[in-house]
Protein backbone atom coordinates (compact mmCIF):
# COMPACT_ATOMS: atom_id res chain seq x y z
CA UNK A 1 94.22 109.32 24.12
CA UNK A 2 97.69 108.89 25.53
CA UNK A 3 97.64 107.62 29.15
CA UNK A 4 101.04 109.19 29.86
CA UNK A 5 99.88 112.66 28.84
CA UNK A 6 96.69 112.22 30.88
CA UNK A 7 98.79 111.18 33.90
CA UNK A 8 101.05 114.18 33.41
CA UNK A 9 98.12 116.60 33.41
CA UNK A 10 96.64 114.86 36.46
CA UNK A 11 99.96 115.02 38.36
CA UNK A 12 100.29 118.69 37.56
CA UNK A 13 96.77 119.38 38.79
CA UNK A 14 97.32 117.38 41.96
CA UNK A 15 100.54 119.29 42.74
CA UNK A 16 98.63 122.58 42.28
CA UNK A 17 95.96 121.35 44.67
CA UNK A 18 98.42 120.17 47.31
CA UNK A 19 100.42 123.41 47.05
CA UNK A 20 97.35 125.40 48.04
CA UNK A 21 96.78 124.14 51.58
CA UNK A 22 93.56 126.07 52.09
CA UNK A 23 92.11 124.65 48.88
CA UNK A 24 93.21 121.11 49.86
CA UNK A 25 91.64 121.40 53.31
CA UNK A 26 88.47 122.78 51.83
CA UNK A 27 88.28 119.88 49.35
CA UNK A 28 88.18 117.27 52.12
CA UNK A 29 86.66 119.16 55.04
CA UNK A 30 83.88 121.12 53.35
CA UNK A 31 81.62 118.13 52.45
CA UNK A 32 82.05 116.54 55.88
CA UNK A 33 81.43 119.88 57.60
CA UNK A 34 78.22 120.44 55.66
CA UNK A 35 77.13 116.92 56.49
CA UNK A 36 77.60 117.42 60.22
CA UNK A 37 76.20 120.95 60.43
CA UNK A 38 73.07 120.23 58.36
CA UNK A 39 72.67 116.78 59.88
CA UNK A 40 72.38 118.20 63.38
CA UNK A 41 70.66 121.43 62.41
CA UNK A 42 68.13 120.28 59.82
CA UNK A 43 65.85 118.24 62.11
CA UNK A 44 62.19 118.15 61.08
CA UNK A 45 60.90 116.06 63.97
CA UNK A 46 58.26 117.84 66.08
CA UNK A 47 59.01 116.85 69.66
CA UNK A 48 59.15 118.46 73.11
CA UNK A 49 56.54 121.08 72.25
CA UNK A 50 56.44 123.49 75.23
CA UNK A 51 52.95 124.00 76.65
CA UNK A 52 51.07 125.28 79.70
CA UNK A 53 47.71 124.39 81.14
CA UNK A 54 44.84 126.59 82.37
CA UNK A 55 42.82 124.15 84.50
CA UNK A 56 39.60 125.75 85.72
CA UNK A 57 38.28 122.46 87.09
CA UNK A 58 41.27 121.22 89.08
CA UNK A 59 39.75 117.76 89.49
CA UNK A 60 41.34 114.32 89.46
CA UNK A 61 39.97 113.71 85.95
CA UNK A 62 41.33 116.98 84.59
CA UNK A 63 44.73 116.15 86.06
CA UNK A 64 44.56 112.74 84.44
CA UNK A 65 43.85 114.46 81.12
CA UNK A 66 46.84 116.78 81.50
CA UNK A 67 49.14 113.87 82.44
CA UNK A 68 48.46 112.35 79.02
CA UNK A 69 50.33 115.30 77.52
CA UNK A 70 53.01 115.42 80.19
CA UNK A 71 53.92 111.73 79.75
CA UNK A 72 54.21 112.06 75.96
CA UNK A 73 57.65 112.65 74.47
CA UNK A 74 56.07 115.07 72.01
CA UNK A 75 55.23 117.66 74.69
CA UNK A 76 57.25 119.59 77.27
CA UNK A 77 55.16 120.67 80.28
CA UNK A 78 55.88 124.22 81.48
CA UNK A 79 53.37 124.50 84.33
CA UNK A 80 49.92 125.87 85.13
CA UNK A 81 48.77 129.47 84.50
CA UNK A 82 45.92 131.38 86.13
CA UNK A 83 44.33 133.29 83.24
CA UNK A 84 44.27 133.79 79.47
CA UNK A 85 46.44 136.90 79.66
CA UNK A 86 49.39 134.82 80.78
CA UNK A 87 48.80 132.47 77.84
CA UNK A 88 48.72 135.37 75.38
CA UNK A 89 51.95 136.78 76.77
CA UNK A 90 53.78 133.42 76.70
CA UNK A 91 52.61 132.60 73.18
CA UNK A 92 53.65 136.06 72.01
CA UNK A 93 57.11 135.68 73.58
CA UNK A 94 57.47 132.19 72.07
CA UNK A 95 57.98 130.82 75.61
CA UNK A 96 55.41 128.16 74.70
CA UNK A 97 53.96 126.74 71.51
CA UNK A 98 50.69 125.41 72.90
CA UNK A 99 48.21 125.98 75.72
CA UNK A 100 45.43 123.67 76.95
CA UNK A 101 42.38 125.28 78.56
CA UNK A 102 40.19 122.91 80.58
CA UNK A 103 36.73 124.32 81.44
CA UNK A 104 34.93 124.25 84.76
CA UNK A 105 32.84 121.21 85.71
CA UNK A 106 35.02 119.09 83.42
CA UNK A 107 34.88 115.96 85.63
CA UNK A 108 31.24 116.46 86.60
CA UNK A 109 30.05 116.63 82.97
CA UNK A 110 32.13 113.64 81.85
CA UNK A 111 30.96 111.40 84.70
CA UNK A 112 27.39 112.36 83.81
CA UNK A 113 27.99 111.16 80.25
CA UNK A 114 27.88 114.64 78.74
CA UNK A 115 30.33 116.15 76.25
CA UNK A 116 32.99 118.67 77.19
CA UNK A 117 34.90 121.09 74.99
CA UNK A 118 38.58 121.55 75.77
CA UNK A 119 40.33 124.46 74.06
CA UNK A 120 43.80 124.07 72.62
CA UNK A 121 45.72 127.16 71.49
CA UNK A 122 48.57 126.59 69.04
CA UNK A 123 51.27 128.93 67.79
CA UNK A 124 50.67 128.97 64.02
CA UNK A 125 53.89 130.83 63.14
CA UNK A 126 55.24 127.63 61.60
CA UNK A 127 52.25 126.03 59.84
CA UNK A 128 53.75 122.56 59.34
CA UNK A 129 54.93 122.48 62.95
CA UNK A 130 51.50 123.59 64.19
CA UNK A 131 49.68 121.07 61.98
CA UNK A 132 51.81 118.22 63.30
CA UNK A 133 51.22 119.35 66.88
CA UNK A 134 47.49 119.43 66.18
CA UNK A 135 47.70 115.79 65.12
CA UNK A 136 49.40 114.92 68.43
CA UNK A 137 46.67 116.70 70.38
CA UNK A 138 43.94 114.90 68.47
CA UNK A 139 45.62 111.53 69.15
CA UNK A 140 45.96 112.20 72.91
CA UNK A 141 42.38 113.43 73.11
CA UNK A 142 41.02 110.43 71.18
CA UNK A 143 42.85 107.98 73.46
CA UNK A 144 41.48 109.72 76.57
CA UNK A 145 37.95 109.80 75.13
CA UNK A 146 37.97 106.09 74.24
CA UNK A 147 39.09 105.13 77.72
CA UNK A 148 36.33 107.26 79.26
CA UNK A 149 33.75 105.71 76.98
CA UNK A 150 34.97 102.21 77.80
CA UNK A 151 34.76 102.95 81.52
CA UNK A 152 31.28 104.38 81.09
CA UNK A 153 30.08 101.30 79.20
CA UNK A 154 31.64 98.98 81.78
CA UNK A 155 29.91 100.82 84.65
CA UNK A 156 26.49 101.27 83.08
CA UNK A 157 26.15 97.94 81.27
CA UNK A 158 28.14 95.68 83.55
CA UNK A 159 30.54 94.68 80.78
CA UNK A 160 34.04 93.30 81.13
CA UNK A 161 36.79 95.91 80.49
CA UNK A 162 37.94 94.16 77.27
CA UNK A 163 34.38 94.01 75.91
CA UNK A 164 33.79 97.65 76.84
CA UNK A 165 36.96 98.71 75.01
CA UNK A 166 35.85 96.73 71.94
CA UNK A 167 32.49 98.49 71.89
CA UNK A 168 34.14 101.88 72.47
CA UNK A 169 36.35 101.37 69.44
CA UNK A 170 34.58 99.10 66.93
CA UNK A 171 37.03 100.00 64.18
CA UNK A 172 40.68 100.06 65.21
CA UNK A 173 43.49 101.46 63.11
CA UNK A 174 46.87 99.78 63.16
CA UNK A 175 49.67 101.76 61.50
CA UNK A 176 52.99 100.27 60.51
CA UNK A 177 55.82 102.37 59.15
CA UNK A 178 57.97 100.72 56.52
CA UNK A 179 61.65 101.51 55.87
CA UNK A 180 61.88 104.33 58.44
CA UNK A 181 60.35 102.38 61.32
CA UNK A 182 61.14 104.96 64.00
CA UNK A 183 59.84 107.84 61.81
CA UNK A 184 62.98 109.90 62.35
CA UNK A 185 63.60 112.81 60.07
CA UNK A 186 67.35 112.25 60.55
CA UNK A 187 67.12 108.87 58.81
CA UNK A 188 65.57 110.54 55.79
CA UNK A 189 67.62 113.76 55.72
CA UNK A 190 71.14 112.46 56.37
CA UNK A 191 71.31 110.17 53.29
CA UNK A 192 70.06 113.07 51.17
CA UNK A 193 72.79 115.24 52.71
CA UNK A 194 75.34 112.98 51.02
CA UNK A 195 73.80 114.05 47.73
CA UNK A 196 73.72 117.72 48.78
CA UNK A 197 77.34 117.78 49.93
CA UNK A 198 78.61 116.14 46.75
CA UNK A 199 76.38 118.25 44.52
CA UNK A 200 77.72 121.49 45.92
CA UNK A 201 81.32 120.67 46.84
CA UNK A 202 82.40 118.68 43.77
CA UNK A 203 81.46 121.22 41.09
CA UNK A 204 82.71 124.06 43.28
CA UNK A 205 86.17 122.52 43.70
CA UNK A 206 86.38 121.62 40.02
CA UNK A 207 85.32 125.05 38.80
CA UNK A 208 87.69 126.90 41.14
CA UNK A 209 90.57 124.57 40.30
CA UNK A 210 90.28 125.10 36.54
CA UNK A 211 89.59 128.83 36.69
CA UNK A 212 92.54 129.30 39.03
CA UNK A 213 94.85 128.42 36.16
CA UNK A 214 93.16 131.03 33.97
CA UNK A 215 93.75 133.73 36.54
CA UNK A 216 97.38 132.73 37.15
CA UNK A 217 98.13 132.34 33.44
CA UNK A 218 99.43 128.78 33.78
CA UNK A 219 96.65 127.61 31.47
CA UNK A 220 98.84 128.75 28.56
CA UNK A 221 101.18 125.85 29.30
CA UNK A 222 98.32 123.55 28.38
CA UNK A 223 97.52 125.56 25.24
CA UNK A 224 101.12 125.07 24.08
CA UNK A 225 101.40 121.40 25.09
CA UNK A 226 100.87 118.35 22.92
CA UNK A 227 97.96 117.15 25.11
CA UNK A 228 94.72 116.92 23.22
CA UNK A 229 91.43 118.38 24.37
CA UNK A 230 90.18 115.04 25.66
CA UNK A 231 93.46 114.29 27.43
CA UNK A 232 93.42 117.69 29.12
CA UNK A 233 89.82 117.32 30.30
CA UNK A 234 90.32 113.79 31.63
CA UNK A 235 93.61 114.64 33.36
CA UNK A 236 92.20 117.87 34.76
CA UNK A 237 89.21 116.14 36.31
CA UNK A 238 91.05 113.08 37.64
CA UNK A 239 92.25 114.66 40.94
CA UNK A 240 88.85 116.16 41.73
CA UNK A 241 87.13 112.90 40.87
CA UNK A 242 89.50 111.06 43.23
CA UNK A 243 88.91 113.59 46.02
CA UNK A 244 85.13 113.28 45.64
CA UNK A 245 85.37 109.49 45.54
CA UNK A 246 87.16 109.60 48.91
CA UNK A 247 84.53 112.04 50.23
CA UNK A 248 81.79 109.54 49.34
CA UNK A 249 83.33 107.04 51.76
CA UNK A 250 83.74 109.69 54.45
CA UNK A 251 80.16 110.90 54.09
CA UNK A 252 78.86 107.32 54.18
CA UNK A 253 80.82 106.68 57.37
CA UNK A 254 79.45 109.85 58.99
CA UNK A 255 75.88 108.83 58.12
CA UNK A 256 76.25 105.27 59.46
CA UNK A 257 78.51 105.77 62.50
CA UNK A 258 77.78 109.32 63.64
CA UNK A 259 74.08 109.67 62.84
CA UNK A 260 73.29 105.93 63.20
CA UNK A 261 71.35 105.75 59.94
CA UNK A 262 70.86 102.09 58.95
CA UNK A 263 72.31 101.01 55.63
CA UNK A 264 70.28 98.19 54.16
CA UNK A 265 71.33 98.12 50.49
CA UNK A 266 74.26 96.97 48.43
CA UNK A 267 77.43 98.91 49.11
CA UNK A 268 78.68 98.09 45.61
CA UNK A 269 75.62 99.52 43.87
CA UNK A 270 75.64 102.53 46.16
CA UNK A 271 79.29 103.33 45.51
CA UNK A 272 78.95 102.80 41.76
CA UNK A 273 75.99 105.19 41.70
CA UNK A 274 77.98 107.65 43.81
CA UNK A 275 80.87 107.61 41.34
CA UNK A 276 78.44 108.25 38.48
CA UNK A 277 77.01 111.17 40.42
CA UNK A 278 80.49 112.51 41.06
CA UNK A 279 81.10 112.40 37.31
CA UNK A 280 77.94 114.47 36.88
CA UNK A 281 78.77 117.02 39.58
CA UNK A 282 82.38 117.48 38.49
CA UNK A 283 81.13 117.76 34.92
CA UNK A 284 78.94 120.67 35.96
CA UNK A 285 81.93 122.37 37.55
CA UNK A 286 83.99 121.78 34.44
CA UNK A 287 81.38 123.33 32.16
CA UNK A 288 81.10 126.36 34.43
CA UNK A 289 84.89 126.81 34.53
CA UNK A 290 85.00 126.88 30.73
CA UNK A 291 82.43 129.68 30.63
CA UNK A 292 83.95 132.12 33.17
CA UNK A 293 87.36 133.68 33.72
CA UNK A 294 87.49 134.53 37.44
CA UNK A 295 87.20 132.42 40.56
CA UNK A 296 84.62 134.78 42.04
CA UNK A 297 82.36 134.34 39.02
CA UNK A 298 82.88 130.57 39.16
CA UNK A 299 82.01 130.57 42.86
CA UNK A 300 78.78 132.56 42.46
CA UNK A 301 77.54 130.69 39.39
CA UNK A 302 78.36 127.27 40.88
CA UNK A 303 76.53 128.03 44.10
CA UNK A 304 73.46 129.21 42.19
CA UNK A 305 73.39 126.39 39.68
CA UNK A 306 74.25 123.61 42.16
CA UNK A 307 72.50 124.68 45.34
CA UNK A 308 69.17 126.16 44.23
CA UNK A 309 67.96 123.26 42.04
CA UNK A 310 69.27 120.80 44.60
CA UNK A 311 67.20 122.30 47.41
CA UNK A 312 64.04 122.78 45.33
CA UNK A 313 63.85 119.94 42.82
CA UNK A 314 65.87 116.99 44.11
CA UNK A 315 63.41 115.66 46.67
CA UNK A 316 65.80 116.78 49.41
CA UNK A 317 63.16 118.70 51.38
CA UNK A 318 59.92 118.03 49.49
CA UNK A 319 59.05 114.80 47.62
CA UNK A 320 59.18 115.27 43.86
CA UNK A 321 55.69 113.75 43.62
CA UNK A 322 54.35 116.67 45.69
CA UNK A 323 55.67 119.29 43.26
CA UNK A 324 53.62 120.87 40.49
CA UNK A 325 53.73 119.20 37.06
CA UNK A 326 56.04 121.91 35.71
CA UNK A 327 58.36 121.58 38.72
CA UNK A 328 58.46 117.79 38.28
CA UNK A 329 59.67 118.29 34.73
CA UNK A 330 62.46 120.56 36.00
CA UNK A 331 63.36 118.00 38.66
CA UNK A 332 64.01 115.36 36.00
CA UNK A 333 66.47 117.71 34.29
CA UNK A 334 68.90 117.59 37.22
CA UNK A 335 70.97 114.56 38.23
CA UNK A 336 70.43 115.30 41.95
CA UNK A 337 66.90 113.85 41.88
CA UNK A 338 68.09 110.47 40.61
CA UNK A 339 70.91 110.23 43.13
CA UNK A 340 68.56 111.20 45.98
CA UNK A 341 66.39 108.20 45.09
CA UNK A 342 69.52 106.01 45.09
CA UNK A 343 70.85 107.09 48.50
CA UNK A 344 67.49 106.84 50.24
CA UNK A 345 66.71 103.57 48.51
CA UNK A 346 70.08 102.17 49.52
CA UNK A 347 70.01 103.36 53.13
CA UNK A 348 66.35 102.91 54.12
CA UNK A 349 64.77 100.47 51.65
CA UNK A 350 67.64 98.12 50.87
CA UNK A 351 67.03 98.44 47.11
CA UNK A 352 69.43 96.82 44.66
CA UNK A 353 70.39 97.20 41.04
CA UNK A 354 67.14 95.66 39.82
CA UNK A 355 65.17 98.52 41.35
CA UNK A 356 67.53 101.43 40.71
CA UNK A 357 69.01 100.70 37.29
CA UNK A 358 66.96 103.48 35.71
CA UNK A 359 68.45 106.02 38.10
CA UNK A 360 71.96 104.76 37.37
CA UNK A 361 71.28 104.89 33.65
CA UNK A 362 70.06 108.48 33.96
CA UNK A 363 73.19 109.46 35.91
CA UNK A 364 75.39 107.84 33.27
CA UNK A 365 73.53 109.81 30.61
CA UNK A 366 74.06 113.09 32.45
CA UNK A 367 77.76 112.29 32.92
CA UNK A 368 78.26 111.61 29.19
CA UNK A 369 76.24 114.67 28.15
CA UNK A 370 78.21 117.00 30.40
CA UNK A 371 81.52 115.64 29.09
CA UNK A 372 80.39 116.21 25.51
CA UNK A 373 79.35 119.78 26.33
CA UNK A 374 82.70 120.45 28.04
CA UNK A 375 84.57 118.97 25.08
CA UNK A 376 82.67 121.24 22.73
CA UNK A 377 83.30 124.34 24.82
CA UNK A 378 87.01 123.78 25.41
CA UNK A 379 89.49 125.12 22.93
CA UNK A 380 93.27 125.24 23.08
CA UNK A 381 93.24 128.67 21.52
CA UNK A 382 93.09 131.36 24.18
CA UNK A 383 90.24 133.79 23.87
CA UNK A 384 91.10 137.35 23.09
């Protein structure tokens, strides 16, 4: 390959990109815009659940029980209601997501050492949200019950408070979260959004850029030039590869400085893996551009091919290990899954080359395979 001819093709492509101001702005702004919009909008944390209380006992102990929910950051207290009809109306209007119903003689029965049933009504419209809220309720209720039992043992057996608490909870569970210590969905989602933005924007820009020449007819200049197939493909992709390489830095900065996601890994390994992924994503766009003739067709096909597998099979929303065996096979056929492991491993786990070399090798394999497919599809003879 002749470097001068490659540079000439790349310069021509860059001039075409710069001449189209809308396309140039889209090339740099679209990935960052997706990052910000999805980063703020795609929050999976279940916090500030609005709830009301129907307290039929109105005792000091029932108020203490309610305060456990009020003081938690997971719940948002909306007041006391007088009957079940108000609860039904508020749940139906989505004014609340939960209601706690405390029965009569709540304090009297507890002080007598008898059991009490407290009803909790949850809005099950969003099953995952409701299941998480149920876990919060169980945790609050367990903590309240253990304290009551410890107080009961201390009063009836004359035990010290510490000894009573030990007897009330003979087996204690201590949970430690590794990597994402604050259990924030943002810390998990934002690194994956780097993958999503590159996976959608890079092939889209590449496909539209190449097909644009087909529609305008300027592609015939390439057909009649002395540039070889390989020189044309390399020169054509060079500007889009450079744009995406810059976008990697921008997206990384947004994740670290705007969303405050900790970066614990090697910046060298991360950036090298990102460049390999850019080669894969631009390769997908190049293959699509060689198969279609209009920008509209390139747009639709790129969105379908890039976005759908990325959302379903990359581990972006659901861990790959949780997918069915057939879906896991499909996940391994897309480069997005390997890069998702790299970005999350780099940001949250601090993994290095020794742990992620298989992912980098897979990305390199995809990049080479896509280039070979594009080389086979491209011909300097215009189709009739």
